[in-house]
């Protein structure tokens, strides 16, 4: 984009998302980007491990990435184990359809990296559900743990609040590929990074 701003959209977190993210970032680096927009809008989540792997590319080694808590309030803390490879300014785009693993990533980047979050408040799904399958083919899905951001902020039923709230016209709210002239959230991100 203009002003050597790179742009990566992450539509979901699948088995290969973090490796694809790193490859795309390296391609953008070769084009001499000076800053980056990470678009998590309409990303309903997926594999938390993939969102944590992406966070590892930006978060200082030893910093808290994620806090999980079970019903007995027993907490586990996952910390960054690698040195970051991304050391340029980053802005993150979120909206009301940003959920679960994508909210975890947005929360990490907001808390640990102080990256600016632009858009509208995220969905608010911050729980781990475990599925138990039975021999008769039936199953049971049980909520077993809850996620918190590195600053211990609750995600579930709260969501991630943007630093700068920018709404889209209603016709573009749930669309992933918005023409730039109509994408007020992306325009704001570009202004922030100029």
Protein backbone atom coordinates (compact mmCIF):
# COMPACT_ATOMS: atom_id res chain seq x y z
CA UNK A 1 0.00 0.00 0.00
CA UNK A 2 1.04 3.67 -0.10
CA UNK A 3 3.85 4.85 2.22
CA UNK A 4 5.42 1.35 2.20
CA UNK A 5 2.62 -0.03 4.39
CA UNK A 6 2.24 -3.80 4.24
CA UNK A 7 -1.18 -5.45 4.61
CA UNK A 8 -1.96 -9.02 5.73
CA UNK A 9 -5.51 -10.28 6.17
CA UNK A 10 -5.99 -13.38 8.34
CA UNK A 11 -9.46 -14.86 7.64
CA UNK A 12 -9.12 -17.80 10.11
CA UNK A 13 -6.56 -19.78 12.09
CA UNK A 14 -5.97 -23.15 10.41
CA UNK A 15 -3.05 -25.63 10.57
CA UNK A 16 -0.86 -23.58 8.21
CA UNK A 17 -1.86 -20.01 9.11
CA UNK A 18 1.23 -19.06 11.13
CA UNK A 19 3.67 -20.40 8.50
CA UNK A 20 1.70 -18.62 5.74
CA UNK A 21 1.77 -15.42 7.81
CA UNK A 22 5.57 -15.62 8.18
CA UNK A 23 6.00 -16.29 4.44
CA UNK A 24 3.78 -13.33 3.50
CA UNK A 25 5.62 -11.08 5.95
CA UNK A 26 8.97 -12.07 4.44
CA UNK A 27 7.61 -11.29 0.95
CA UNK A 28 6.49 -7.85 2.16
CA UNK A 29 9.89 -7.27 3.82
CA UNK A 30 11.55 -7.78 0.42
CA UNK A 31 9.30 -4.97 -0.86
CA UNK A 32 10.74 -2.70 1.89
CA UNK A 33 7.62 -2.20 3.98
CA UNK A 34 8.05 0.25 6.87
CA UNK A 35 4.87 -0.71 8.78
CA UNK A 36 2.13 -3.34 8.73
CA UNK A 37 -1.67 -3.63 8.95
CA UNK A 38 -2.95 -6.98 10.30
CA UNK A 39 -6.62 -7.42 9.40
CA UNK A 40 -8.52 -9.71 11.79
CA UNK A 41 -11.97 -8.50 10.78
CA UNK A 42 -14.55 -11.27 10.22
CA UNK A 43 -12.06 -13.83 11.59
CA UNK A 44 -14.16 -16.20 13.71
CA UNK A 45 -11.11 -17.93 15.21
CA UNK A 46 -9.78 -21.45 14.83
CA UNK A 47 -6.62 -22.94 16.30
CA UNK A 48 -5.37 -20.93 19.28
CA UNK A 49 -1.89 -22.45 18.81
CA UNK A 50 -1.67 -20.76 15.38
CA UNK A 51 -2.63 -17.34 16.76
CA UNK A 52 -0.02 -17.77 19.53
CA UNK A 53 2.62 -18.70 16.93
CA UNK A 54 1.87 -15.46 15.07
CA UNK A 55 2.06 -13.50 18.34
CA UNK A 56 5.53 -15.02 18.90
CA UNK A 57 6.74 -13.16 15.77
CA UNK A 58 6.02 -9.81 17.47
CA UNK A 59 6.18 -10.26 21.26
CA UNK A 60 9.41 -10.03 23.29
CA UNK A 61 10.74 -13.35 24.60
CA UNK A 62 9.52 -14.06 28.14
CA UNK A 63 6.38 -11.89 27.99
CA UNK A 64 2.99 -13.39 28.84
CA UNK A 65 0.97 -14.39 25.79
CA UNK A 66 -2.10 -15.99 27.30
CA UNK A 67 -3.63 -16.77 30.67
CA UNK A 68 -6.11 -19.65 30.98
CA UNK A 69 -8.20 -20.34 34.06
CA UNK A 70 -10.31 -23.40 34.94
CA UNK A 71 -13.47 -23.55 37.09
CA UNK A 72 -11.33 -23.81 40.24
CA UNK A 73 -9.57 -20.53 39.24
CA UNK A 74 -6.32 -22.46 38.67
CA UNK A 75 -4.37 -20.43 36.14
CA UNK A 76 -1.83 -21.43 33.51
CA UNK A 77 0.34 -18.79 31.88
CA UNK A 78 1.83 -19.24 28.41
CA UNK A 79 4.88 -17.05 27.74
CA UNK A 80 6.68 -16.14 24.54
CA UNK A 81 9.63 -18.45 23.89
CA UNK A 82 11.21 -16.74 20.86
CA UNK A 83 12.71 -13.42 19.91
CA UNK A 84 10.39 -11.38 17.67
CA UNK A 85 11.10 -11.04 13.94
CA UNK A 86 8.71 -8.13 13.35
CA UNK A 87 10.04 -4.81 14.65
CA UNK A 88 8.08 -2.26 12.64
CA UNK A 89 4.94 -0.32 13.62
CA UNK A 90 1.77 -2.46 13.40
CA UNK A 91 -1.93 -1.59 13.47
CA UNK A 92 -4.58 -4.29 13.99
CA UNK A 93 -8.10 -4.13 12.50
CA UNK A 94 -10.98 -5.83 14.35
CA UNK A 95 -14.78 -5.81 14.15
CA UNK A 96 -17.85 -7.41 15.75
CA UNK A 97 -17.08 -10.69 13.92
CA UNK A 98 -13.51 -10.94 15.28
CA UNK A 99 -13.81 -13.86 17.71
CA UNK A 100 -11.97 -16.45 19.78
CA UNK A 101 -8.38 -17.06 18.54
CA UNK A 102 -8.38 -13.74 16.66
CA UNK A 103 -9.45 -11.89 19.83
CA UNK A 104 -6.61 -13.62 21.68
CA UNK A 105 -4.12 -12.35 19.09
CA UNK A 106 -5.58 -8.82 19.15
CA UNK A 107 -5.44 -8.80 22.97
CA UNK A 108 -1.81 -9.97 23.00
CA UNK A 109 -0.72 -7.35 20.46
CA UNK A 110 -2.60 -4.63 22.34
CA UNK A 111 -1.24 -5.57 25.80
CA UNK A 112 2.30 -6.76 25.02
CA UNK A 113 3.24 -4.65 21.99
CA UNK A 114 1.06 -1.60 22.54
CA UNK A 115 -0.09 -1.87 18.92
CA UNK A 116 -3.08 0.29 18.07
CA UNK A 117 -6.38 -1.54 17.56
CA UNK A 118 -8.82 0.09 15.10
CA UNK A 119 -12.41 -0.83 14.24
CA UNK A 120 -15.34 -1.90 16.42
CA UNK A 121 -15.54 -4.02 19.58
CA UNK A 122 -14.89 -7.72 18.96
CA UNK A 123 -17.35 -10.58 19.49
CA UNK A 124 -16.35 -11.75 22.98
CA UNK A 125 -15.68 -15.50 22.82
CA UNK A 126 -12.94 -16.37 25.28
CA UNK A 127 -13.59 -19.93 26.42
CA UNK A 128 -12.05 -23.33 25.70
CA UNK A 129 -14.52 -26.07 24.89
CA UNK A 130 -13.65 -29.76 25.08
CA UNK A 131 -15.62 -32.32 23.04
CA UNK A 132 -16.24 -35.79 24.45
CA UNK A 133 -17.36 -38.41 21.91
CA UNK A 134 -19.32 -41.48 23.01
CA UNK A 135 -19.44 -44.96 21.48
CA UNK A 136 -23.06 -44.52 20.32
CA UNK A 137 -21.99 -41.61 18.09
CA UNK A 138 -23.29 -38.90 20.39
CA UNK A 139 -21.08 -36.29 22.01
CA UNK A 140 -20.88 -33.63 24.66
CA UNK A 141 -19.22 -30.23 24.42
CA UNK A 142 -18.18 -28.80 27.78
CA UNK A 143 -16.64 -25.41 28.52
CA UNK A 144 -13.50 -26.27 30.50
CA UNK A 145 -11.41 -23.10 30.66
CA UNK A 146 -11.52 -19.36 30.05
CA UNK A 147 -8.95 -17.15 28.30
CA UNK A 148 -7.58 -13.83 29.53
CA UNK A 149 -5.28 -11.32 27.81
CA UNK A 150 -1.73 -10.75 29.14
CA UNK A 151 -3.07 -7.82 31.24
CA UNK A 152 -5.62 -10.27 32.70
CA UNK A 153 -8.52 -8.65 30.84
CA UNK A 154 -11.58 -10.83 30.34
CA UNK A 155 -12.49 -11.61 26.71
CA UNK A 156 -15.58 -13.79 27.13
CA UNK A 157 -18.84 -11.83 26.70
CA UNK A 158 -16.76 -8.60 26.86
CA UNK A 159 -14.67 -8.55 23.68
CA UNK A 160 -11.63 -6.44 22.82
CA UNK A 161 -12.31 -2.71 22.66
CA UNK A 162 -10.51 -0.82 19.88
CA UNK A 163 -8.23 2.09 20.76
CA UNK A 164 -9.86 4.03 17.93
CA UNK A 165 -13.44 3.14 17.12
CA UNK A 166 -14.25 3.45 13.43
CA UNK A 167 -17.53 2.10 12.07
CA UNK A 168 -18.17 1.03 8.51
CA UNK A 169 -21.31 1.89 6.60
CA UNK A 170 -23.78 -0.94 7.29
CA UNK A 171 -23.57 -2.31 3.72
CA UNK A 172 -19.87 -3.16 4.27
CA UNK A 173 -20.02 -4.44 7.89
CA UNK A 174 -19.86 -8.20 7.21
CA UNK A 175 -17.86 -8.17 3.97
CA UNK A 176 -14.21 -9.20 3.84
CA UNK A 177 -12.99 -7.52 0.65
CA UNK A 178 -14.16 -3.93 0.89
CA UNK A 179 -13.07 -1.47 -1.81
CA UNK A 180 -10.47 0.85 -0.26
CA UNK A 181 -12.57 3.97 -0.88
CA UNK A 182 -15.34 2.46 1.29
CA UNK A 183 -13.08 0.93 3.95
CA UNK A 184 -12.98 3.68 6.59
CA UNK A 185 -11.28 1.33 9.09
CA UNK A 186 -8.39 0.52 6.75
CA UNK A 187 -8.12 4.22 5.78
CA UNK A 188 -7.76 5.08 9.49
CA UNK A 189 -5.05 2.41 9.89
CA UNK A 190 -3.12 3.90 6.95
CA UNK A 191 -3.41 7.40 8.43
CA UNK A 192 -2.13 6.06 11.76
CA UNK A 193 0.91 4.49 10.10
CA UNK A 194 1.83 7.37 7.76
